[in-house]
Each structure stands twice: as C-alpha cells, then as structure tokens.
Amino acid sequence: MRFLADLALFVEVANTRNFGKAAAALGMPLSTLSRRISALERELGFQLIHRSSRTFSLTDAGRTCYEQSKSLVAEAKRIQEGVAGMASKTSGHIRVGVPFDLAQTIFVPLFARSILANPGSSIEVVSISGHPNLLTESLDLAIWVGHQLRLPDSSFWSRRIGTFERRLFASKEFLASHRTIQEPQQLAEQPCICLVHGEPLSQWELHRGREHRSVKVDGSATRTPSECSQDSQGKEWASPCYRIFLLRIQDSGRG
C-alpha cells in the first residue's frame, strides 16, 4: 500500500531530521521525497513537519505519528528481510520432468551441482516425452523443448532458459550414393532422419541469412538427439533455434 510506504519515508525523515540526508539514504530525489511526505500529510489531514530552511521539528501530530509508526515500519522491514532470506535458499523435494535424451547430457549434471550448493534440497528427475502435463504426472516443474510453448491455462507460467541451434547433417556414404541436393525443397524427396522430442519433427523450418524455407520431409527413421552422431559435417542450411522452456504450475493443489 502507498500509505504504508509513505509512512516508512516519514519515519526515515524523522530519524535523520533532515530531508536531504533522508533522500540520500533512501536513494530517491529530494523533490520526490518532499512530494510523498506532503501527500501523506494530506491523507492524514494533519501537518507532520514544521518546514524551515534552518530548523527541523515535528508537529504534535507528527510526533504522535512517528512514535506509533516507527515500530510498525521496523517490523515490516524484518518481515521483508525474512522473506527475502527464504527466497535466496532452496530446500525441500522437487520433481522435475526432463526430456529423456537431454536429461543425462545436460540437466542431470546441472541438478547435481544445485544439490551440492543447496544441501537441504533434493531433486527427482522424471523422464518425459512430448508436452508435459504437470498435474497428471505430479511434477513441480518441467523442462520442454520446442519452437513455441502453449500453456493449458493461466495457473501455469513459463520462462525461456536457453536456446540451441539445429543443423542438417549427412554421412559421406549418403552423399556419395545420392544426387547433390541444391535446394531445400529437394529434401522432401530424400529419406531423412527426424529428431524426436515427443513427436517426430518432420516439418523443417530452414534459415540462411534472411531467407526462410519450410519443408515437410519423409521421416522414414526417427532418432533422439543423443542418439545422433556428433562428427558429421553440417551443410550450409540450418534450422532455427529451438527454445528450452521451464514450466511450473503456481499451485498444484498437492499437500
């Protein structure tokens, strides 16, 4: 509430007995502080401070307001500091849904470091495929990979935590036994391996500079990213960055 915030400003002014010092301590312009105190006086209906360039003093109403407000403001600061301290520490048990092919290579090592840094916490990693359902799978949060994220309702929130780029690869044997591919649309005529994140990604969105092509390929074989060889030579075209989302439900209703 603005009223409580203005009370805290008034208490600081009364403590320092100087508008300039109070403004410096609060990190706000002197004009703003003076305006907020005037607004507080109007709301209370009483003048709180005798304004003079040489002296500082509280009115009778100001002294009463100060005595009754300083303990309230101090308690509010203690509450704020206590809650901030809780937010800076991680504790308890968390169930995290992670795509199977990314769990071992990327996220499990990160979770291990998190547990070491927060001894009071434990993380249970659950392998998921496709779009996770936090409620039915009893997950506290989930990591999802894809172009876009569709949330089921407003009780969920998400945040992008990273991106990675996908490229096209072909083995030397394939290139030797097939005619050279000159245009992206020719990929539709070739047997392709589609990466799987819950469902085959057979619609390839390709970018080169400002050019964009969309190609639906024949995914005659599917593999997860962790199964794919990392030593193939990439071609000139690359698929756009895929976003990694962190999903969480605000209140799952679990005890």
C-alpha atoms as a PDB file:
ATOM      1  CA  MET A   1       0.000   0.000   0.000  1.00  0.00           C
ATOM      2  CA  ARG A   2       1.195   3.501  -0.839  1.00  0.00           C
ATOM      3  CA  PHE A   3       0.164   4.750   2.623  1.00  0.00           C
ATOM      4  CA  LEU A   4       2.474   2.305   4.426  1.00  0.00           C
ATOM      5  CA  ALA A   5       5.310   3.107   2.034  1.00  0.00           C
ATOM      6  CA  ASP A   6       4.885   6.824   2.722  1.00  0.00           C
ATOM      7  CA  LEU A   7       4.872   6.151   6.466  1.00  0.00           C
ATOM      8  CA  ALA A   8       8.259   4.456   6.058  1.00  0.00           C
ATOM      9  CA  LEU A   9       9.551   7.549   4.241  1.00  0.00           C
ATOM     10  CA  PHE A  10       8.265   9.794   7.012  1.00  0.00           C
ATOM     11  CA  VAL A  11       9.961   7.669   9.685  1.00  0.00           C
ATOM     12  CA  GLU A  12      13.272   7.947   7.815  1.00  0.00           C
ATOM     13  CA  VAL A  13      12.908  11.736   7.622  1.00  0.00           C
ATOM     14  CA  ALA A  14      12.106  11.901  11.336  1.00  0.00           C
ATOM     15  CA  ASN A  15      15.070   9.655  12.176  1.00  0.00           C
ATOM     16  CA  THR A  16      17.571  11.786  10.242  1.00  0.00           C
ATOM     17  CA  ARG A  17      15.813  15.089  10.999  1.00  0.00           C
ATOM     18  CA  ASN A  18      16.862  16.234   7.544  1.00  0.00           C
ATOM     19  CA  PHE A  19      15.124  15.847   4.183  1.00  0.00           C
ATOM     20  CA  GLY A  20      18.401  15.836   2.242  1.00  0.00           C
ATOM     21  CA  LYS A  21      20.006  13.101   4.357  1.00  0.00           C
ATOM     22  CA  ALA A  22      16.809  11.027   4.273  1.00  0.00           C
ATOM     23  CA  ALA A  23      16.588  11.321   0.477  1.00  0.00           C
ATOM     24  CA  ALA A  24      20.219  10.193   0.140  1.00  0.00           C
ATOM     25  CA  ALA A  25      19.663   7.240   2.483  1.00  0.00           C
ATOM     26  CA  LEU A  26      16.523   6.212   0.592  1.00  0.00           C
ATOM     27  CA  GLY A  27      18.134   6.672  -2.824  1.00  0.00           C
ATOM     28  CA  MET A  28      15.438   8.990  -4.169  1.00  0.00           C
ATOM     29  CA  PRO A  29      15.340  12.611  -5.354  1.00  0.00           C
ATOM     30  CA  LEU A  30      14.699  15.206  -2.652  1.00  0.00           C
ATOM     31  CA  SER A  31      11.747  16.592  -4.617  1.00  0.00           C
ATOM     32  CA  THR A  32      10.117  13.152  -4.753  1.00  0.00           C
ATOM     33  CA  LEU A  33      10.550  12.617  -1.021  1.00  0.00           C
ATOM     34  CA  SER A  34       9.077  16.033  -0.224  1.00  0.00           C
ATOM     35  CA  ARG A  35       6.120  15.356  -2.523  1.00  0.00           C
ATOM     36  CA  ARG A  36       5.438  11.961  -0.887  1.00  0.00           C
ATOM     37  CA  ILE A  37       5.507  13.456   2.623  1.00  0.00           C
ATOM     38  CA  SER A  38       3.094  16.184   1.519  1.00  0.00           C
ATOM     39  CA  ALA A  39       0.776  13.516   0.104  1.00  0.00           C
ATOM     40  CA  LEU A  40       0.912  11.654   3.434  1.00  0.00           C
ATOM     41  CA  GLU A  41       0.001  14.838   5.304  1.00  0.00           C
ATOM     42  CA  ARG A  42      -2.962  15.413   3.006  1.00  0.00           C
ATOM     43  CA  GLU A  43      -4.171  11.858   3.525  1.00  0.00           C
ATOM     44  CA  LEU A  44      -3.896  12.128   7.321  1.00  0.00           C
ATOM     45  CA  GLY A  45      -5.345  15.638   7.392  1.00  0.00           C
ATOM     46  CA  PHE A  46      -2.539  16.993   9.594  1.00  0.00           C
ATOM     47  CA  GLN A  47       0.790  18.723   9.075  1.00  0.00           C
ATOM     48  CA  LEU A  48       3.538  16.413  10.360  1.00  0.00           C
ATOM     49  CA  ILE A  49       6.668  18.550   9.953  1.00  0.00           C
ATOM     50  CA  HIS A  50       7.406  22.239  10.520  1.00  0.00           C
ATOM     51  CA  ARG A  51       9.224  23.153   7.315  1.00  0.00           C
ATOM     52  CA  SER A  52      12.065  25.633   7.698  1.00  0.00           C
ATOM     53  CA  SER A  53      15.384  26.085   5.912  1.00  0.00           C
ATOM     54  CA  ARG A  54      17.221  26.377   9.248  1.00  0.00           C
ATOM     55  CA  THR A  55      15.442  24.087  11.709  1.00  0.00           C
ATOM     56  CA  PHE A  56      13.630  20.764  11.667  1.00  0.00           C
ATOM     57  CA  SER A  57      10.862  19.845  14.056  1.00  0.00           C
ATOM     58  CA  LEU A  58       7.803  17.644  14.181  1.00  0.00           C
ATOM     59  CA  THR A  59       4.352  18.934  14.937  1.00  0.00           C
ATOM     60  CA  ASP A  60       2.351  17.365  17.738  1.00  0.00           C
ATOM     61  CA  ALA A  61       0.602  15.206  15.146  1.00  0.00           C
ATOM     62  CA  GLY A  62       3.995  14.388  13.634  1.00  0.00           C
ATOM     63  CA  ARG A  63       5.422  13.203  16.963  1.00  0.00           C
ATOM     64  CA  THR A  64       2.369  11.014  17.583  1.00  0.00           C
ATOM     65  CA  CYS A  65       2.558   9.579  14.078  1.00  0.00           C
ATOM     66  CA  TYR A  66       6.299   8.931  14.432  1.00  0.00           C
ATOM     67  CA  GLU A  67       6.017   7.123  17.771  1.00  0.00           C
ATOM     68  CA  GLN A  68       3.241   4.871  16.509  1.00  0.00           C
ATOM     69  CA  SER A  69       4.745   4.251  13.080  1.00  0.00           C
ATOM     70  CA  LYS A  70       8.423   3.515  13.779  1.00  0.00           C
ATOM     71  CA  SER A  71       7.752   0.092  15.345  1.00  0.00           C
ATOM     72  CA  LEU A  72       5.359  -0.784  12.506  1.00  0.00           C
ATOM     73  CA  VAL A  73       7.963   0.168   9.879  1.00  0.00           C
ATOM     74  CA  ALA A  74      10.698  -1.766  11.712  1.00  0.00           C
ATOM     75  CA  GLU A  75       8.507  -4.872  11.828  1.00  0.00           C
ATOM     76  CA  ALA A  76       7.687  -4.546   8.120  1.00  0.00           C
ATOM     77  CA  LYS A  77      11.430  -4.414   7.353  1.00  0.00           C
ATOM     78  CA  ARG A  78      12.016  -7.555   9.431  1.00  0.00           C
ATOM     79  CA  ILE A  79       9.266  -9.354   7.509  1.00  0.00           C
ATOM     80  CA  GLN A  80      10.741  -8.239   4.187  1.00  0.00           C
ATOM     81  CA  GLU A  81      14.245  -9.373   5.158  1.00  0.00           C
ATOM     82  CA  GLY A  82      12.936 -12.717   6.433  1.00  0.00           C
ATOM     83  CA  VAL A  83      11.022 -13.460   3.246  1.00  0.00           C
ATOM     84  CA  ALA A  84      13.990 -12.381   1.115  1.00  0.00           C
ATOM     85  CA  GLY A  85      16.192 -14.778   3.083  1.00  0.00           C
ATOM     86  CA  MET A  86      13.789 -17.640   2.385  1.00  0.00           C
ATOM     87  CA  ALA A  87      13.753 -16.831  -1.326  1.00  0.00           C
ATOM     88  CA  SER A  88      17.554 -16.971  -1.518  1.00  0.00           C
ATOM     89  CA  LYS A  89      17.656 -20.536  -0.174  1.00  0.00           C
ATOM     90  CA  THR A  90      16.443 -23.668  -1.917  1.00  0.00           C
ATOM     91  CA  SER A  91      15.137 -26.519   0.206  1.00  0.00           C
ATOM     92  CA  GLY A  92      12.713 -29.422   0.012  1.00  0.00           C
ATOM     93  CA  HIS A  93      11.969 -32.072  -2.596  1.00  0.00           C
ATOM     94  CA  ILE A  94      11.291 -31.150  -6.236  1.00  0.00           C
ATOM     95  CA  ARG A  95      10.009 -33.408  -9.032  1.00  0.00           C
ATOM     96  CA  VAL A  96      11.360 -32.206 -12.365  1.00  0.00           C
ATOM     97  CA  GLY A  97      10.242 -33.516 -15.748  1.00  0.00           C
ATOM     98  CA  VAL A  98      13.032 -33.546 -18.334  1.00  0.00           C
ATOM     99  CA  PRO A  99      13.134 -34.937 -21.914  1.00  0.00           C
ATOM    100  CA  PHE A 100      14.921 -38.282 -21.698  1.00  0.00           C
ATOM    101  CA  ASP A 101      17.535 -37.516 -24.335  1.00  0.00           C
ATOM    102  CA  LEU A 102      18.571 -34.284 -22.610  1.00  0.00           C
ATOM    103  CA  ALA A 103      18.499 -35.467 -19.013  1.00  0.00           C
ATOM    104  CA  GLN A 104      21.855 -37.240 -18.838  1.00  0.00           C
ATOM    105  CA  THR A 105      23.790 -34.972 -21.180  1.00  0.00           C
ATOM    106  CA  ILE A 106      22.676 -31.550 -19.973  1.00  0.00           C
ATOM    107  CA  PHE A 107      20.398 -31.346 -16.983  1.00  0.00           C
ATOM    108  CA  VAL A 108      21.414 -34.073 -14.530  1.00  0.00           C
ATOM    109  CA  PRO A 109      24.916 -32.562 -14.112  1.00  0.00           C
ATOM    110  CA  LEU A 110      23.297 -29.168 -13.502  1.00  0.00           C
ATOM    111  CA  PHE A 111      20.918 -30.647 -10.938  1.00  0.00           C
ATOM    112  CA  ALA A 112      23.832 -32.344  -9.174  1.00  0.00           C
ATOM    113  CA  ARG A 113      25.602 -29.012  -8.786  1.00  0.00           C
ATOM    114  CA  SER A 114      22.397 -27.442  -7.490  1.00  0.00           C
ATOM    115  CA  ILE A 115      22.041 -30.118  -4.793  1.00  0.00           C
ATOM    116  CA  LEU A 116      25.654 -29.629  -3.699  1.00  0.00           C
ATOM    117  CA  ALA A 117      25.061 -25.882  -3.447  1.00  0.00           C
ATOM    118  CA  ASN A 118      21.774 -26.380  -1.524  1.00  0.00           C
ATOM    119  CA  PRO A 119      22.222 -29.240   0.990  1.00  0.00           C
ATOM    120  CA  GLY A 120      18.613 -29.013   2.166  1.00  0.00           C
ATOM    121  CA  SER A 121      17.200 -29.819  -1.268  1.00  0.00           C
ATOM    122  CA  SER A 122      16.600 -32.981  -3.278  1.00  0.00           C
ATOM    123  CA  ILE A 123      15.657 -33.336  -6.939  1.00  0.00           C
ATOM    124  CA  GLU A 124      13.777 -36.240  -8.503  1.00  0.00           C
ATOM    125  CA  VAL A 125      14.266 -36.352 -12.271  1.00  0.00           C
ATOM    126  CA  VAL A 126      11.358 -37.810 -14.244  1.00  0.00           C
ATOM    127  CA  SER A 127      11.818 -38.656 -17.934  1.00  0.00           C
ATOM    128  CA  ILE A 128       9.078 -37.165 -20.090  1.00  0.00           C
ATOM    129  CA  SER A 129       8.210 -37.117 -23.771  1.00  0.00           C
ATOM    130  CA  GLY A 130       6.094 -34.649 -25.650  1.00  0.00           C
ATOM    131  CA  HIS A 131       4.261 -31.815 -23.954  1.00  0.00           C
ATOM    132  CA  PRO A 132       4.347 -32.455 -20.173  1.00  0.00           C
ATOM    133  CA  ASN A 133       1.237 -32.482 -18.007  1.00  0.00           C
ATOM    134  CA  LEU A 134       2.367 -31.191 -14.635  1.00  0.00           C
ATOM    135  CA  LEU A 135      -0.831 -32.173 -12.846  1.00  0.00           C
ATOM    136  CA  THR A 136      -1.317 -35.753 -14.003  1.00  0.00           C
ATOM    137  CA  GLU A 137       2.403 -36.500 -13.737  1.00  0.00           C
ATOM    138  CA  SER A 138       2.683 -34.836 -10.293  1.00  0.00           C
ATOM    139  CA  LEU A 139       5.526 -32.582 -11.419  1.00  0.00           C
ATOM    140  CA  ASP A 140       6.579 -29.386  -9.692  1.00  0.00           C
ATOM    141  CA  LEU A 141       8.195 -28.118 -12.865  1.00  0.00           C
ATOM    142  CA  ALA A 142       9.181 -29.414 -16.274  1.00  0.00           C
ATOM    143  CA  ILE A 143      11.662 -28.594 -18.995  1.00  0.00           C
ATOM    144  CA  TRP A 144      10.290 -28.597 -22.515  1.00  0.00           C
ATOM    145  CA  VAL A 145      11.984 -28.103 -25.874  1.00  0.00           C
ATOM    146  CA  GLY A 146      10.293 -26.652 -28.945  1.00  0.00           C
ATOM    147  CA  HIS A 147       9.627 -23.656 -31.192  1.00  0.00           C
ATOM    148  CA  GLN A 148       6.662 -22.413 -29.183  1.00  0.00           C
ATOM    149  CA  LEU A 149       5.029 -23.227 -25.884  1.00  0.00           C
ATOM    150  CA  ARG A 150       1.264 -23.435 -25.404  1.00  0.00           C
ATOM    151  CA  LEU A 151       0.200 -23.254 -21.771  1.00  0.00           C
ATOM    152  CA  PRO A 152      -3.034 -25.070 -20.849  1.00  0.00           C
ATOM    153  CA  ASP A 153      -4.320 -22.295 -18.576  1.00  0.00           C
ATOM    154  CA  SER A 154      -3.324 -19.247 -16.541  1.00  0.00           C
ATOM    155  CA  SER A 155      -2.281 -21.271 -13.482  1.00  0.00           C
ATOM    156  CA  PHE A 156       0.936 -22.122 -15.332  1.00  0.00           C
ATOM    157  CA  TRP A 157       3.853 -19.850 -16.057  1.00  0.00           C
ATOM    158  CA  SER A 158       6.926 -20.405 -18.159  1.00  0.00           C
ATOM    159  CA  ARG A 159      10.327 -18.892 -18.801  1.00  0.00           C
ATOM    160  CA  ARG A 160      12.807 -19.436 -21.596  1.00  0.00           C
ATOM    161  CA  ILE A 161      16.083 -20.669 -20.098  1.00  0.00           C
ATOM    162  CA  GLY A 162      18.123 -21.208 -23.237  1.00  0.00           C
ATOM    163  CA  THR A 163      18.322 -21.915 -26.947  1.00  0.00           C
ATOM    164  CA  PHE A 164      20.242 -24.246 -29.189  1.00  0.00           C
ATOM    165  CA  GLU A 165      20.593 -24.412 -32.945  1.00  0.00           C
ATOM    166  CA  ARG A 166      19.843 -27.404 -35.154  1.00  0.00           C
ATOM    167  CA  ARG A 167      21.681 -28.057 -38.390  1.00  0.00           C
ATOM    168  CA  LEU A 168      21.470 -30.512 -41.264  1.00  0.00           C
ATOM    169  CA  PHE A 169      23.948 -33.382 -41.459  1.00  0.00           C
ATOM    170  CA  ALA A 170      24.619 -36.134 -43.979  1.00  0.00           C
ATOM    171  CA  SER A 171      27.088 -39.022 -43.987  1.00  0.00           C
ATOM    172  CA  LYS A 172      29.759 -39.341 -46.672  1.00  0.00           C
ATOM    173  CA  GLU A 173      28.137 -42.590 -47.813  1.00  0.00           C
ATOM    174  CA  PHE A 174      24.778 -40.875 -48.295  1.00  0.00           C
ATOM    175  CA  LEU A 175      26.303 -38.019 -50.279  1.00  0.00           C
ATOM    176  CA  ALA A 176      28.224 -40.456 -52.468  1.00  0.00           C
ATOM    177  CA  SER A 177      25.158 -42.533 -53.352  1.00  0.00           C
ATOM    178  CA  HIS A 178      22.588 -39.731 -53.846  1.00  0.00           C
ATOM    179  CA  ARG A 179      22.467 -36.822 -56.229  1.00  0.00           C
ATOM    180  CA  THR A 180      23.593 -33.490 -54.859  1.00  0.00           C
ATOM    181  CA  ILE A 181      20.913 -31.500 -53.064  1.00  0.00           C
ATOM    182  CA  GLN A 182      20.857 -27.958 -54.433  1.00  0.00           C
ATOM    183  CA  GLU A 183      17.655 -26.598 -52.899  1.00  0.00           C
ATOM    184  CA  PRO A 184      15.905 -27.241 -49.567  1.00  0.00           C
ATOM    185  CA  GLN A 185      12.745 -28.489 -51.333  1.00  0.00           C
ATOM    186  CA  GLN A 186      14.750 -31.441 -52.630  1.00  0.00           C
ATOM    187  CA  LEU A 187      14.926 -32.739 -49.053  1.00  0.00           C
ATOM    188  CA  ALA A 188      11.288 -33.810 -49.419  1.00  0.00           C
ATOM    189  CA  GLU A 189      12.463 -36.400 -51.973  1.00  0.00           C
ATOM    190  CA  GLN A 190      15.157 -37.869 -49.723  1.00  0.00           C
ATOM    191  CA  PRO A 191      14.943 -40.369 -46.843  1.00  0.00           C
ATOM    192  CA  CYS A 192      15.512 -38.297 -43.723  1.00  0.00           C
ATOM    193  CA  ILE A 193      16.069 -38.987 -40.054  1.00  0.00           C
ATOM    194  CA  CYS A 194      13.804 -36.844 -37.900  1.00  0.00           C
ATOM    195  CA  LEU A 195      14.770 -35.843 -34.396  1.00  0.00           C
ATOM    196  CA  VAL A 196      12.185 -36.709 -31.779  1.00  0.00           C
ATOM    197  CA  HIS A 197      11.071 -34.596 -28.834  1.00  0.00           C
ATOM    198  CA  GLY A 198       7.859 -36.413 -28.026  1.00  0.00           C
ATOM    199  CA  GLU A 199       6.828 -36.479 -31.699  1.00  0.00           C
ATOM    200  CA  PRO A 200       8.854 -36.591 -34.940  1.00  0.00           C
ATOM    201  CA  LEU A 201       9.896 -33.164 -36.205  1.00  0.00           C
ATOM    202  CA  SER A 202       9.114 -33.719 -39.877  1.00  0.00           C
ATOM    203  CA  GLN A 203       8.336 -30.092 -40.720  1.00  0.00           C
ATOM    204  CA  TRP A 204      11.744 -28.474 -41.103  1.00  0.00           C
ATOM    205  CA  GLU A 205      11.975 -24.682 -40.901  1.00  0.00           C
ATOM    206  CA  LEU A 206      15.250 -23.656 -42.550  1.00  0.00           C
ATOM    207  CA  HIS A 207      17.018 -20.317 -42.458  1.00  0.00           C
ATOM    208  CA  ARG A 208      20.003 -18.874 -44.297  1.00  0.00           C
ATOM    209  CA  GLY A 209      20.545 -15.204 -43.613  1.00  0.00           C
ATOM    210  CA  ARG A 210      17.170 -13.583 -44.284  1.00  0.00           C
ATOM    211  CA  GLU A 211      15.898 -16.480 -46.399  1.00  0.00           C
ATOM    212  CA  HIS A 212      13.362 -18.888 -44.953  1.00  0.00           C
ATOM    213  CA  ARG A 213      12.094 -22.184 -46.331  1.00  0.00           C
ATOM    214  CA  SER A 214       9.652 -24.678 -44.851  1.00  0.00           C
ATOM    215  CA  VAL A 215       9.995 -28.299 -45.963  1.00  0.00           C
ATOM    216  CA  LYS A 216       7.966 -31.340 -44.959  1.00  0.00           C
ATOM    217  CA  VAL A 217      10.312 -34.317 -45.136  1.00  0.00           C
ATOM    218  CA  ASP A 218       9.726 -38.049 -45.229  1.00  0.00           C
ATOM    219  CA  GLY A 219      10.812 -39.082 -41.743  1.00  0.00           C
ATOM    220  CA  SER A 220      11.372 -42.726 -42.578  1.00  0.00           C
ATOM    221  CA  ALA A 221      13.535 -43.025 -39.482  1.00  0.00           C
ATOM    222  CA  THR A 222      13.479 -41.199 -36.155  1.00  0.00           C
ATOM    223  CA  ARG A 223      16.110 -40.710 -33.509  1.00  0.00           C
ATOM    224  CA  THR A 224      16.607 -38.665 -30.373  1.00  0.00           C
ATOM    225  CA  PRO A 225      19.331 -36.004 -30.400  1.00  0.00           C
ATOM    226  CA  SER A 226      21.501 -38.043 -28.014  1.00  0.00           C
ATOM    227  CA  GLU A 227      21.482 -40.936 -30.494  1.00  0.00           C
ATOM    228  CA  CYS A 228      22.750 -38.856 -33.377  1.00  0.00           C
ATOM    229  CA  SER A 229      26.400 -38.823 -34.298  1.00  0.00           C
ATOM    230  CA  GLN A 230      28.242 -35.629 -33.441  1.00  0.00           C
ATOM    231  CA  ASP A 231      31.032 -35.911 -36.030  1.00  0.00           C
ATOM    232  CA  SER A 232      29.034 -35.389 -39.231  1.00  0.00           C
ATOM    233  CA  GLN A 233      29.739 -32.415 -41.462  1.00  0.00           C
ATOM    234  CA  GLY A 234      26.953 -29.826 -41.465  1.00  0.00           C
ATOM    235  CA  LYS A 235      25.533 -28.355 -44.654  1.00  0.00           C
ATOM    236  CA  GLU A 236      25.016 -24.694 -45.380  1.00  0.00           C
ATOM    237  CA  TRP A 237      21.395 -24.510 -44.262  1.00  0.00           C
ATOM    238  CA  ALA A 238      20.490 -24.541 -40.582  1.00  0.00           C
ATOM    239  CA  SER A 239      17.222 -24.907 -38.727  1.00  0.00           C
ATOM    240  CA  PRO A 240      16.223 -22.061 -36.414  1.00  0.00           C
ATOM    241  CA  CYS A 241      16.991 -22.010 -32.734  1.00  0.00           C
ATOM    242  CA  TYR A 242      14.775 -24.209 -30.604  1.00  0.00           C
ATOM    243  CA  ARG A 243      13.804 -22.714 -27.289  1.00  0.00           C
ATOM    244  CA  ILE A 244      14.102 -24.533 -23.984  1.00  0.00           C
ATOM    245  CA  PHE A 245      11.251 -23.647 -21.627  1.00  0.00           C
ATOM    246  CA  LEU A 246      10.913 -24.077 -17.889  1.00  0.00           C
ATOM    247  CA  LEU A 247       7.303 -24.798 -16.931  1.00  0.00           C
ATOM    248  CA  ARG A 248       5.852 -24.515 -13.475  1.00  0.00           C
ATOM    249  CA  ILE A 249       2.379 -24.627 -12.020  1.00  0.00           C
ATOM    250  CA  GLN A 250       1.679 -21.985  -9.408  1.00  0.00           C
ATOM    251  CA  ASP A 251      -0.417 -24.156  -7.131  1.00  0.00           C
ATOM    252  CA  SER A 252      -0.806 -27.827  -7.948  1.00  0.00           C
ATOM    253  CA  GLY A 253      -3.141 -28.460  -5.035  1.00  0.00           C
ATOM    254  CA  ARG A 254      -0.864 -31.107  -3.587  1.00  0.00           C
ATOM    255  CA  GLY A 255      -0.130 -31.098   0.117  1.00  0.00           C
END
